[in-house]
Amino acid sequence: TAGYHRYWAHRSYRASPVLQWFLAMAGAGAAQGSIKWWSRAHRAHHRYTDTKLDPYNATEGFWHTHIGWIIFKPHIKQGKVDIS
């Protein structure tokens, strides 16, 4: 959660290029998809919580919320993602 979640999706702290590389490798190694894709999905989750547009909508059930949304990639409404 320090990389994909806190750093790229929420931009809640600053990170050196070395730390950015480490966090990117850790996220990739955890099979979470690309930084851009994950960040877009997470921001959509906050914007559309528990609606049909929420990629990991809790009303879809436990398995969908935790892993199903990664396996069966949902359509995510287009938006801008800043990962610079």
Protein backbone atom coordinates (compact mmCIF):
# COMPACT_ATOMS: atom_id res chain seq x y z
CA THR A 1 0.00 0.00 0.00
CA ALA A 2 2.96 2.35 0.34
CA GLY A 3 3.57 2.43 -3.41
CA TYR A 4 0.56 1.86 -5.64
CA HIS A 5 -1.93 3.06 -3.03
CA ARG A 6 -0.36 5.87 -1.01
CA TYR A 7 2.27 7.14 -3.43
CA TRP A 8 0.78 6.81 -6.91
CA ALA A 9 -2.98 6.78 -6.30
CA HIS A 10 -3.11 9.40 -3.53
CA ARG A 11 0.24 11.21 -3.86
CA SER A 12 0.37 11.41 -0.07
CA TYR A 13 4.17 11.75 0.22
CA ARG A 14 7.31 12.43 -1.81
CA ALA A 15 9.69 9.65 -2.80
CA SER A 16 13.19 9.59 -4.22
CA PRO A 17 13.70 7.95 -7.63
CA VAL A 18 15.30 4.94 -5.90
CA LEU A 19 12.30 4.50 -3.61
CA GLN A 20 9.93 4.95 -6.58
CA TRP A 21 11.75 2.16 -8.42
CA PHE A 22 11.60 -0.13 -5.38
CA LEU A 23 7.88 0.55 -4.86
CA ALA A 24 7.15 -0.03 -8.56
CA MET A 25 8.99 -3.38 -8.49
CA ALA A 26 7.20 -4.42 -5.29
CA GLY A 27 3.80 -3.63 -6.83
CA ALA A 28 4.66 -5.40 -10.07
CA GLY A 29 5.89 -8.42 -8.11
CA ALA A 30 2.58 -8.56 -6.27
CA ALA A 31 0.75 -8.98 -9.62
CA GLN A 32 -1.35 -5.86 -9.12
CA GLY A 33 -1.23 -4.67 -12.73
CA SER A 34 0.41 -1.49 -13.96
CA ILE A 35 0.74 1.59 -11.78
CA LYS A 36 -1.45 3.58 -14.16
CA TRP A 37 -4.19 0.94 -14.29
CA TRP A 38 -4.23 0.36 -10.52
CA SER A 39 -4.21 4.08 -9.69
CA ARG A 40 -7.06 4.76 -12.12
CA ALA A 41 -9.10 1.92 -10.63
CA HIS A 42 -8.46 3.09 -7.08
CA ARG A 43 -9.42 6.68 -7.85
CA ALA A 44 -12.59 5.42 -9.56
CA HIS A 45 -13.31 3.39 -6.41
CA HIS A 46 -13.21 6.55 -4.29
CA ARG A 47 -15.24 8.54 -6.82
CA TYR A 48 -17.94 5.88 -7.34
CA THR A 49 -17.92 3.89 -4.08
CA ASP A 50 -20.42 0.99 -4.05
CA THR A 51 -22.01 1.85 -7.39
CA LYS A 52 -21.81 0.01 -10.73
CA LEU A 53 -18.87 2.27 -11.68
CA ASP A 54 -16.84 1.19 -8.61
CA PRO A 55 -14.22 -1.33 -9.89
CA TYR A 56 -14.22 -3.20 -6.58
CA ASN A 57 -17.78 -2.64 -5.52
CA ALA A 58 -18.44 -4.30 -2.14
CA THR A 59 -22.01 -5.11 -3.14
CA GLU A 60 -20.60 -7.57 -5.71
CA GLY A 61 -19.37 -9.85 -2.93
CA PHE A 62 -16.20 -10.73 -1.01
CA TRP A 63 -14.28 -12.48 -3.81
CA HIS A 64 -14.98 -9.78 -6.38
CA THR A 65 -13.92 -7.06 -3.94
CA HIS A 66 -10.59 -8.71 -3.06
CA ILE A 67 -9.40 -10.49 -6.21
CA GLY A 68 -12.15 -10.74 -8.82
CA TRP A 69 -11.74 -7.15 -9.98
CA ILE A 70 -8.08 -7.87 -10.82
CA ILE A 71 -8.80 -11.13 -12.66
CA PHE A 72 -11.91 -9.92 -14.49
CA LYS A 73 -10.80 -6.38 -15.23
CA PRO A 74 -13.84 -4.10 -15.16
CA HIS A 75 -14.47 -1.20 -17.49
CA ILE A 76 -13.16 1.87 -15.71
CA LYS A 77 -14.53 5.23 -16.71
CA GLN A 78 -11.77 7.25 -18.38
CA GLY A 79 -10.10 9.97 -16.41
CA LYS A 80 -6.70 11.55 -16.07
CA VAL A 81 -4.04 9.82 -13.97
CA ASP A 82 -0.96 11.73 -12.89
CA ILE A 83 1.86 9.31 -12.08
CA SER A 84 4.74 11.71 -12.69
